[in-house]
N, C-alpha and C. Protein backbone atom coordinates (compact mmCIF):
# COMPACT_ATOMS: atom_id res chain seq x y z
N MET A 1 124.82 100.74 126.83
CA MET A 1 126.36 100.24 126.61
C MET A 1 127.19 101.53 127.18
N LEU A 2 128.28 101.05 127.50
CA LEU A 2 129.38 102.13 127.89
C LEU A 2 130.20 102.72 126.68
N SER A 3 130.47 103.93 126.81
CA SER A 3 131.17 104.35 125.48
C SER A 3 132.55 103.75 125.73
N THR A 4 133.32 104.04 124.48
CA THR A 4 134.55 103.26 124.19
C THR A 4 135.57 103.97 125.12
N SER A 5 135.31 105.37 125.46
CA SER A 5 136.51 105.77 126.16
C SER A 5 136.39 105.28 127.70
N LEU A 6 135.08 105.33 128.04
CA LEU A 6 134.72 104.82 129.51
C LEU A 6 135.16 103.50 129.81
N GLN A 7 134.81 102.56 128.73
CA GLN A 7 135.40 101.03 128.86
C GLN A 7 136.92 101.18 128.83
N LYS A 8 137.59 102.14 128.04
CA LYS A 8 139.15 102.12 128.40
C LYS A 8 139.39 102.50 129.76
N TRP A 9 138.84 103.46 130.24
CA TRP A 9 139.36 103.84 131.59
C TRP A 9 138.94 102.71 132.49
N GLU A 10 137.81 102.24 132.46
CA GLU A 10 137.33 100.96 133.44
C GLU A 10 138.58 99.87 133.25
N GLY A 11 139.07 99.69 131.95
CA GLY A 11 140.02 98.56 131.88
C GLY A 11 141.26 98.97 132.48
N ARG A 12 141.70 100.30 132.41
CA ARG A 12 142.67 100.75 132.98
C ARG A 12 142.62 100.77 134.69
N TRP A 13 141.46 101.07 135.03
CA TRP A 13 141.28 100.95 136.41
C TRP A 13 141.49 99.54 137.02
N GLU A 14 141.10 98.66 136.28
CA GLU A 14 141.13 97.33 136.74
C GLU A 14 142.57 96.84 136.73
N GLN A 15 143.25 97.28 135.66
CA GLN A 15 144.63 96.94 135.79
C GLN A 15 145.38 97.51 136.83
N LEU A 16 145.18 98.60 137.45
CA LEU A 16 145.75 99.29 138.49
C LEU A 16 145.37 98.61 139.89
N VAL A 17 143.93 98.40 139.91
CA VAL A 17 143.40 97.51 141.11
C VAL A 17 144.07 96.29 141.24
N GLY A 18 144.32 95.52 140.06
CA GLY A 18 144.77 94.25 140.14
C GLY A 18 146.41 94.34 140.40
N LYS A 19 147.14 95.32 139.98
CA LYS A 19 148.55 95.36 140.34
C LYS A 19 148.70 95.67 141.79
N VAL A 20 147.87 96.51 142.38
CA VAL A 20 147.99 96.78 143.65
C VAL A 20 147.52 95.59 144.61
N LYS A 21 146.51 94.90 144.12
CA LYS A 21 146.29 93.78 145.00
C LYS A 21 147.48 92.93 144.87
N SER A 22 147.89 92.57 143.63
CA SER A 22 149.12 91.55 143.65
C SER A 22 150.33 92.17 144.34
N LEU A 23 150.47 93.35 144.53
CA LEU A 23 151.58 93.78 145.21
C LEU A 23 151.29 93.55 146.81
N TYR A 24 150.15 93.79 147.24
CA TYR A 24 149.64 93.57 148.56
C TYR A 24 149.69 92.06 148.92
N GLY A 25 149.24 91.38 147.93
CA GLY A 25 149.58 90.01 148.46
C GLY A 25 150.88 89.55 148.54
N GLU A 26 151.86 90.06 147.63
CA GLU A 26 153.33 89.74 147.88
C GLU A 26 153.80 90.09 149.32
N LEU A 27 153.35 91.46 149.71
CA LEU A 27 153.75 92.12 150.96
C LEU A 27 153.41 91.33 151.99
N ILE A 28 152.14 90.74 152.27
CA ILE A 28 151.69 89.82 153.21
C ILE A 28 151.84 88.46 152.95
N ASP A 29 152.39 88.15 151.83
CA ASP A 29 152.82 86.56 151.58
C ASP A 29 151.39 85.75 151.41
N ASN A 30 150.58 86.46 150.59
CA ASN A 30 149.38 85.63 150.34
C ASN A 30 149.21 85.27 148.87
N GLU A 31 149.47 84.07 148.39
CA GLU A 31 149.31 83.79 147.00
C GLU A 31 148.07 83.90 146.34
N HIS A 32 146.98 83.80 147.11
CA HIS A 32 145.68 84.03 146.76
C HIS A 32 145.48 85.72 146.33
N PHE A 33 145.81 86.44 147.03
CA PHE A 33 145.80 87.87 146.58
C PHE A 33 146.63 88.09 145.17
N VAL A 34 147.81 87.45 145.38
CA VAL A 34 148.64 87.55 144.05
C VAL A 34 147.95 87.39 143.04
N GLN A 35 147.50 85.93 143.12
CA GLN A 35 146.74 85.34 141.74
C GLN A 35 145.49 86.19 141.32
N GLU A 36 144.63 86.71 142.47
CA GLU A 36 143.53 87.26 142.19
C GLU A 36 143.96 88.63 141.41
N GLY A 37 145.09 89.55 142.04
CA GLY A 37 145.23 90.56 141.36
C GLY A 37 145.71 90.38 139.99
N GLU A 38 146.65 89.49 139.69
CA GLU A 38 147.02 89.15 138.15
C GLU A 38 145.74 88.99 137.39
N CYS A 39 144.74 88.10 137.91
CA CYS A 39 143.62 87.88 137.29
C CYS A 39 142.75 89.32 136.88
N ASP A 40 142.93 90.25 137.82
CA ASP A 40 142.20 91.30 137.59
C ASP A 40 142.82 92.36 136.73
N ARG A 41 144.10 92.10 136.87
CA ARG A 41 145.11 92.81 135.80
C ARG A 41 144.91 92.51 134.49
N ARG A 42 144.86 91.27 134.20
CA ARG A 42 144.66 90.53 132.82
C ARG A 42 143.19 90.86 132.39
N LEU A 43 142.49 90.99 133.16
CA LEU A 43 140.83 91.37 132.77
C LEU A 43 140.81 92.82 132.29
N GLY A 44 141.55 93.63 133.10
CA GLY A 44 141.63 94.96 132.81
C GLY A 44 142.43 95.13 131.24
N ILE A 45 143.37 94.57 130.99
CA ILE A 45 144.00 94.59 129.72
C ILE A 45 143.14 94.12 128.79
N TYR A 46 142.28 93.08 128.88
CA TYR A 46 141.39 92.53 127.94
C TYR A 46 140.15 93.58 127.63
N LYS A 47 139.63 94.17 128.61
CA LYS A 47 138.61 95.35 128.57
C LYS A 47 139.10 96.28 127.78
N GLU A 48 140.28 96.90 128.02
CA GLU A 48 140.88 98.04 127.30
C GLU A 48 141.19 97.86 125.80
N SER A 49 141.58 96.61 125.65
CA SER A 49 142.05 96.15 124.33
C SER A 49 140.64 95.87 123.43
N VAL A 50 139.49 95.59 123.93
CA VAL A 50 138.33 95.24 123.42
C VAL A 50 137.61 96.66 123.14
N ALA A 51 137.86 97.56 123.98
CA ALA A 51 137.46 98.97 123.80
C ALA A 51 138.20 99.70 122.64
N ARG A 52 139.50 99.50 122.70
CA ARG A 52 140.27 100.00 121.51
C ARG A 52 139.65 99.47 120.07
N SER A 53 139.61 98.18 120.22
CA SER A 53 139.33 97.50 118.78
C SER A 53 137.66 98.00 118.40
N ARG A 54 136.91 98.33 119.27
CA ARG A 54 135.53 98.74 119.12
C ARG A 54 135.72 100.11 118.47
N GLU A 55 136.48 101.06 119.18
CA GLU A 55 136.86 102.45 118.40
C GLU A 55 137.28 102.42 117.33
N GLU A 56 138.33 101.46 116.76
CA GLU A 56 138.93 101.39 115.70
C GLU A 56 137.75 101.01 114.85
N PHE A 57 136.77 100.11 114.96
CA PHE A 57 135.97 99.43 114.23
C PHE A 57 135.00 100.70 113.71
N GLU A 58 134.43 101.40 114.84
CA GLU A 58 133.45 102.64 114.67
C GLU A 58 133.96 103.69 113.81
N GLU A 59 135.34 104.00 114.10
CA GLU A 59 136.11 104.99 113.16
C GLU A 59 136.25 104.57 111.67
N THR A 60 136.42 103.30 111.37
CA THR A 60 136.63 102.62 110.14
C THR A 60 135.06 102.79 109.64
N LEU A 61 134.01 102.38 109.94
CA LEU A 61 132.74 102.46 109.72
C LEU A 61 132.29 103.98 109.11
N GLU A 62 132.93 104.95 110.01
CA GLU A 62 132.29 106.33 109.90
C GLU A 62 133.16 106.75 108.68
N ARG A 63 134.26 106.39 108.60
CA ARG A 63 135.23 106.87 107.20
C ARG A 63 134.50 106.34 106.10
N ARG A 64 134.17 105.02 106.02
CA ARG A 64 133.64 104.51 104.75
C ARG A 64 132.18 104.91 104.44
N MET A 65 131.49 105.58 105.43
CA MET A 65 130.14 105.85 105.18
C MET A 65 130.00 107.29 104.82
N ILE A 66 130.85 108.08 105.03
CA ILE A 66 131.01 109.44 104.81
C ILE A 66 131.77 109.70 103.40
N PRO A 67 130.93 110.19 102.49
CA PRO A 67 131.74 110.41 100.87
C PRO A 67 132.63 111.26 100.98
């Protein structure tokens, strides 16, 4: 399984790729690229938020387990 920091970077990367794909679609007037880019961007946002939640959960567990 990927570490949380790697998952966050992967999510950020997908957001960037999605934004570029969306802008390219607007530039060439291709709605398919625009929609695909938005989908990639939103998936990246989701992945990043899942990684953050996981990181917070792991930190909470560590704090409660250490006396």
